[in-house]
């Protein structure tokens, strides 16, 4: 049996990826603060398992309990492959250094950096012990490679995820795992709404993002998920540890 552990499954890219895994007959373990009844129904119709772990990844205690629950769902005698999609992420705080809210910065790093690292750290040794290959996909951003006014926290967290992915691939080169980071570009999600609501003082490029929405230039989560699923369906073509960008995979 195959399982896909997906964080941030309640909406956006996480939900879209889950739907496509369900269509392929992969069992789902969704990790988010709120349940997704539609995915549960879709899984039931498709004859696959859907389990939900209620967890606020910004809370260290909830994350610790969530890790135990996830592994109890995933690893059983019939498990043959485990995907881990580290999708959950936040963009706040959007502001200049010197005006950042300390509590928000701490929660940001917990969700965007600490939680993905600890998820891999918890699941990987169990998979290795039982010789179960994993497909580890860390959702990143082009912001990791850019200097963007007001995005010091977000850019830093995604740069950290890129380097973590590279290091993980190096350390696991003798194993049969698939390890990559996926940069989806700009999507039409609630995160984009948060970005567009910023002030120009906090985020100098906010008008650019507002125009992307007005001009219909934002891709749907469904399309972004489709490109990711096509990518990981060809593991022999993947370079472990690499950041794969949607803009390089789709020419339009």
Protein backbone atom coordinates (compact mmCIF):
# COMPACT_ATOMS: atom_id res chain seq x y z
CA UNK A 1 0.00 0.00 0.00
CA UNK A 2 1.07 3.56 -0.64
CA UNK A 3 0.51 6.51 1.66
CA UNK A 4 0.83 10.26 1.20
CA UNK A 5 1.29 12.47 4.23
CA UNK A 6 0.29 16.01 3.23
CA UNK A 7 0.51 19.04 5.49
CA UNK A 8 -1.76 22.02 4.92
CA UNK A 9 -4.37 19.75 3.35
CA UNK A 10 -7.48 21.78 4.17
CA UNK A 11 -7.22 24.03 1.10
CA UNK A 12 -5.04 25.28 -1.73
CA UNK A 13 -2.18 23.19 -3.07
CA UNK A 14 -2.37 20.62 -0.28
CA UNK A 15 -6.00 19.87 -1.10
CA UNK A 16 -5.30 19.75 -4.85
CA UNK A 17 -2.38 17.33 -4.43
CA UNK A 18 -4.46 15.11 -2.15
CA UNK A 19 -7.24 14.88 -4.75
CA UNK A 20 -4.79 13.72 -7.38
CA UNK A 21 -3.20 11.15 -5.07
CA UNK A 22 -6.67 9.82 -4.29
CA UNK A 23 -7.33 9.41 -8.02
CA UNK A 24 -4.18 7.28 -8.18
CA UNK A 25 -5.35 5.06 -5.32
CA UNK A 26 -2.92 6.40 -2.74
CA UNK A 27 -4.05 6.49 0.90
CA UNK A 28 -4.00 9.95 2.49
CA UNK A 29 -2.95 11.24 5.88
CA UNK A 30 -3.92 14.90 6.01
CA UNK A 31 -2.31 17.22 8.53
CA UNK A 32 -3.98 20.56 9.23
CA UNK A 33 -5.87 22.48 11.87
CA UNK A 34 -9.23 21.89 10.20
CA UNK A 35 -10.77 18.82 8.58
CA UNK A 36 -11.59 18.51 4.87
CA UNK A 37 -14.85 16.62 4.53
CA UNK A 38 -14.78 16.75 0.74
CA UNK A 39 -11.48 14.87 0.60
CA UNK A 40 -12.81 12.31 3.04
CA UNK A 41 -15.81 11.71 0.78
CA UNK A 42 -13.64 11.53 -2.34
CA UNK A 43 -11.38 8.95 -0.72
CA UNK A 44 -14.37 6.86 0.33
CA UNK A 45 -15.74 6.93 -3.20
CA UNK A 46 -12.32 5.87 -4.56
CA UNK A 47 -11.92 3.08 -2.03
CA UNK A 48 -8.82 4.50 -0.37
CA UNK A 49 -8.14 5.45 3.23
CA UNK A 50 -8.28 9.03 4.40
CA UNK A 51 -7.09 9.87 7.89
CA UNK A 52 -6.85 13.35 9.36
CA UNK A 53 -4.40 14.49 12.02
CA UNK A 54 -5.62 17.70 13.61
CA UNK A 55 -2.48 19.68 14.31
CA UNK A 56 -1.41 23.31 14.52
CA UNK A 57 2.15 23.06 13.25
CA UNK A 58 3.05 26.35 14.92
CA UNK A 59 2.53 24.69 18.32
CA UNK A 60 5.52 22.51 19.31
CA UNK A 61 3.44 20.32 21.63
CA UNK A 62 0.78 19.67 18.99
CA UNK A 63 3.49 18.90 16.44
CA UNK A 64 5.07 16.33 18.76
CA UNK A 65 1.74 14.57 19.25
CA UNK A 66 0.98 14.84 15.54
CA UNK A 67 4.22 13.08 14.63
CA UNK A 68 3.24 10.07 16.73
CA UNK A 69 -0.21 9.92 15.15
CA UNK A 70 1.15 10.20 11.61
CA UNK A 71 3.62 7.35 11.99
CA UNK A 72 0.95 5.13 13.55
CA UNK A 73 -1.22 5.60 10.45
CA UNK A 74 1.54 5.23 7.89
CA UNK A 75 3.72 2.33 8.89
CA UNK A 76 2.15 -1.11 8.82
CA UNK A 77 3.11 -4.48 7.38
CA UNK A 78 1.57 -3.73 3.97
CA UNK A 79 3.18 -0.28 3.52
CA UNK A 80 5.28 -0.21 0.36
CA UNK A 81 5.86 3.49 -0.27
CA UNK A 82 5.37 6.74 1.64
CA UNK A 83 5.12 10.22 0.18
CA UNK A 84 5.66 13.22 2.43
CA UNK A 85 4.49 16.54 1.00
CA UNK A 86 5.67 19.34 3.27
CA UNK A 87 3.21 21.88 1.91
CA UNK A 88 1.95 23.88 4.91
CA UNK A 89 3.41 27.37 5.03
CA UNK A 90 2.76 30.94 6.06
CA UNK A 91 3.95 34.22 4.57
CA UNK A 92 3.40 36.50 7.55
CA UNK A 93 5.04 38.61 8.83
CA UNK A 94 5.32 40.82 5.77
CA UNK A 95 7.17 43.86 7.04
CA UNK A 96 10.58 45.48 7.19
CA UNK A 97 13.22 44.42 9.69
CA UNK A 98 12.89 46.48 12.84
CA UNK A 99 9.10 46.31 12.64
CA UNK A 100 8.71 42.53 12.78
CA UNK A 101 6.51 40.99 15.46
CA UNK A 102 8.69 38.52 17.43
CA UNK A 103 5.85 36.08 18.13
CA UNK A 104 4.84 36.01 14.46
CA UNK A 105 8.44 35.41 13.36
CA UNK A 106 8.75 32.50 15.80
CA UNK A 107 5.51 30.91 14.56
CA UNK A 108 6.59 31.46 10.95
CA UNK A 109 9.84 29.58 11.43
CA UNK A 110 8.08 26.82 13.35
CA UNK A 111 5.63 26.20 10.47
CA UNK A 112 7.93 26.82 7.50
CA UNK A 113 11.18 25.31 8.75
CA UNK A 114 10.99 23.41 12.03
CA UNK A 115 7.87 21.36 11.24
CA UNK A 116 9.09 20.07 7.84
CA UNK A 117 12.48 19.16 9.29
CA UNK A 118 10.97 17.33 12.25
CA UNK A 119 8.47 15.48 10.06
CA UNK A 120 11.31 14.10 7.94
CA UNK A 121 13.43 13.49 11.03
CA UNK A 122 10.63 11.41 12.58
CA UNK A 123 9.49 9.38 9.57
CA UNK A 124 12.78 8.76 7.79
CA UNK A 125 14.47 6.45 10.32
CA UNK A 126 11.33 4.30 10.53
CA UNK A 127 11.21 4.04 6.74
CA UNK A 128 14.91 3.18 6.57
CA UNK A 129 14.58 0.55 9.30
CA UNK A 130 11.83 -1.23 7.37
CA UNK A 131 13.36 -0.56 3.92
CA UNK A 132 10.38 1.50 2.77
CA UNK A 133 11.25 4.09 0.11
CA UNK A 134 9.94 7.62 0.57
CA UNK A 135 9.12 10.46 -1.78
CA UNK A 136 9.92 13.64 0.14
CA UNK A 137 8.70 16.82 -1.51
CA UNK A 138 9.30 20.13 0.23
CA UNK A 139 7.28 23.04 -1.14
CA UNK A 140 9.53 26.05 -1.55
CA UNK A 141 9.39 29.42 -3.31
CA UNK A 142 11.31 31.54 -5.76
CA UNK A 143 11.62 33.98 -2.86
CA UNK A 144 14.36 31.72 -1.51
CA UNK A 145 16.67 33.04 -4.22
CA UNK A 146 15.59 36.68 -4.24
CA UNK A 147 15.99 39.75 -2.06
CA UNK A 148 12.46 41.10 -1.63
CA UNK A 149 11.52 44.16 0.38
CA UNK A 150 9.40 43.12 3.38
CA UNK A 151 9.96 39.39 2.91
CA UNK A 152 13.07 38.82 5.01
CA UNK A 153 11.37 36.14 7.08
CA UNK A 154 9.66 34.28 4.23
CA UNK A 155 12.69 34.36 1.93
CA UNK A 156 14.91 33.12 4.76
CA UNK A 157 12.61 30.25 5.68
CA UNK A 158 12.36 29.03 2.09
CA UNK A 159 16.12 29.35 1.59
CA UNK A 160 16.52 27.16 4.68
CA UNK A 161 14.17 24.55 3.21
CA UNK A 162 16.18 24.48 -0.02
CA UNK A 163 19.42 23.85 1.82
CA UNK A 164 17.76 21.27 4.06
CA UNK A 165 16.54 19.43 0.96
CA UNK A 166 20.02 19.44 -0.56
CA UNK A 167 21.62 18.19 2.65
CA UNK A 168 19.00 15.51 3.14
CA UNK A 169 19.60 14.19 -0.36
CA UNK A 170 23.36 14.08 0.26
CA UNK A 171 22.94 12.18 3.50
CA UNK A 172 20.48 9.69 2.00
CA UNK A 173 22.28 9.06 -1.27
CA UNK A 174 22.68 5.35 -0.47
CA UNK A 175 18.93 4.96 0.05
CA UNK A 176 16.18 4.71 -2.55
CA UNK A 177 14.30 7.83 -1.54
CA UNK A 178 13.05 10.53 -3.90
CA UNK A 179 13.95 13.95 -2.44
CA UNK A 180 13.25 17.31 -4.00
CA UNK A 181 11.96 20.83 -3.44
CA UNK A 182 9.15 22.16 -5.61
CA UNK A 183 8.67 25.85 -6.33
CA UNK A 184 5.09 26.39 -7.57
CA UNK A 185 5.27 30.05 -8.55
CA UNK A 186 2.32 32.33 -7.85
CA UNK A 187 -0.96 30.54 -7.18
CA UNK A 188 -4.47 31.78 -6.59
CA UNK A 189 -4.63 30.95 -2.87
CA UNK A 190 -5.35 32.58 0.48
CA UNK A 191 -1.63 33.28 0.85
CA UNK A 192 -1.84 35.54 -2.19
CA UNK A 193 -4.76 37.35 -0.54
CA UNK A 194 -2.56 37.99 2.50
CA UNK A 195 0.18 39.34 0.25
CA UNK A 196 -2.18 41.67 -1.64
CA UNK A 197 -3.53 43.08 1.61
CA UNK A 198 -0.08 44.35 2.64
CA UNK A 199 0.73 48.04 2.70
CA UNK A 200 3.37 49.48 0.37
CA UNK A 201 5.31 50.54 3.43
CA UNK A 202 5.57 46.92 4.56
CA UNK A 203 5.95 45.41 1.07
CA UNK A 204 7.19 47.64 -1.73
CA UNK A 205 6.11 45.26 -4.53
CA UNK A 206 2.52 44.77 -3.35
CA UNK A 207 1.06 46.50 -6.43
CA UNK A 208 2.80 43.97 -8.69
CA UNK A 209 0.96 41.13 -6.95
CA UNK A 210 -2.35 42.95 -7.13
CA UNK A 211 -1.91 43.27 -10.88
CA UNK A 212 -1.19 39.55 -11.21
CA UNK A 213 -4.63 38.86 -9.75
CA UNK A 214 -6.34 41.53 -11.86
CA UNK A 215 -4.73 40.22 -15.04
CA UNK A 216 -5.57 36.58 -14.30
CA UNK A 217 -1.92 35.58 -14.15
CA UNK A 218 -2.22 33.38 -11.06
CA UNK A 219 -2.21 29.64 -11.67
CA UNK A 220 -4.79 27.43 -10.01
CA UNK A 221 -3.65 25.00 -7.29
CA UNK A 222 -5.06 22.21 -9.43
CA UNK A 223 -2.71 23.04 -12.32
CA UNK A 224 0.27 23.38 -10.00
CA UNK A 225 -0.56 20.01 -8.42
CA UNK A 226 -0.87 18.42 -11.86
CA UNK A 227 2.64 19.54 -12.79
CA UNK A 228 4.04 18.19 -9.52
CA UNK A 229 2.33 14.82 -9.97
CA UNK A 230 3.71 14.54 -13.49
CA UNK A 231 7.19 15.35 -12.17
CA UNK A 232 7.24 12.70 -9.46
CA UNK A 233 5.77 10.09 -11.79
CA UNK A 234 9.19 9.97 -13.51
CA UNK A 235 11.59 9.32 -10.62
CA UNK A 236 14.35 8.13 -12.95
CA UNK A 237 14.56 11.66 -14.37
CA UNK A 238 14.80 13.42 -11.01
CA UNK A 239 18.04 14.70 -9.50
CA UNK A 240 17.74 14.26 -5.76
CA UNK A 241 18.13 17.43 -3.73
CA UNK A 242 17.28 19.73 -6.62
CA UNK A 243 14.79 22.58 -6.59
CA UNK A 244 12.30 22.05 -9.41
CA UNK A 245 10.50 25.20 -10.56
CA UNK A 246 7.12 25.11 -12.19
CA UNK A 247 8.22 27.84 -14.62
CA UNK A 248 10.94 25.51 -15.93
CA UNK A 249 8.55 22.58 -16.24
CA UNK A 250 5.69 24.39 -17.97
CA UNK A 251 6.31 26.64 -20.94
CA UNK A 252 3.36 28.93 -21.62
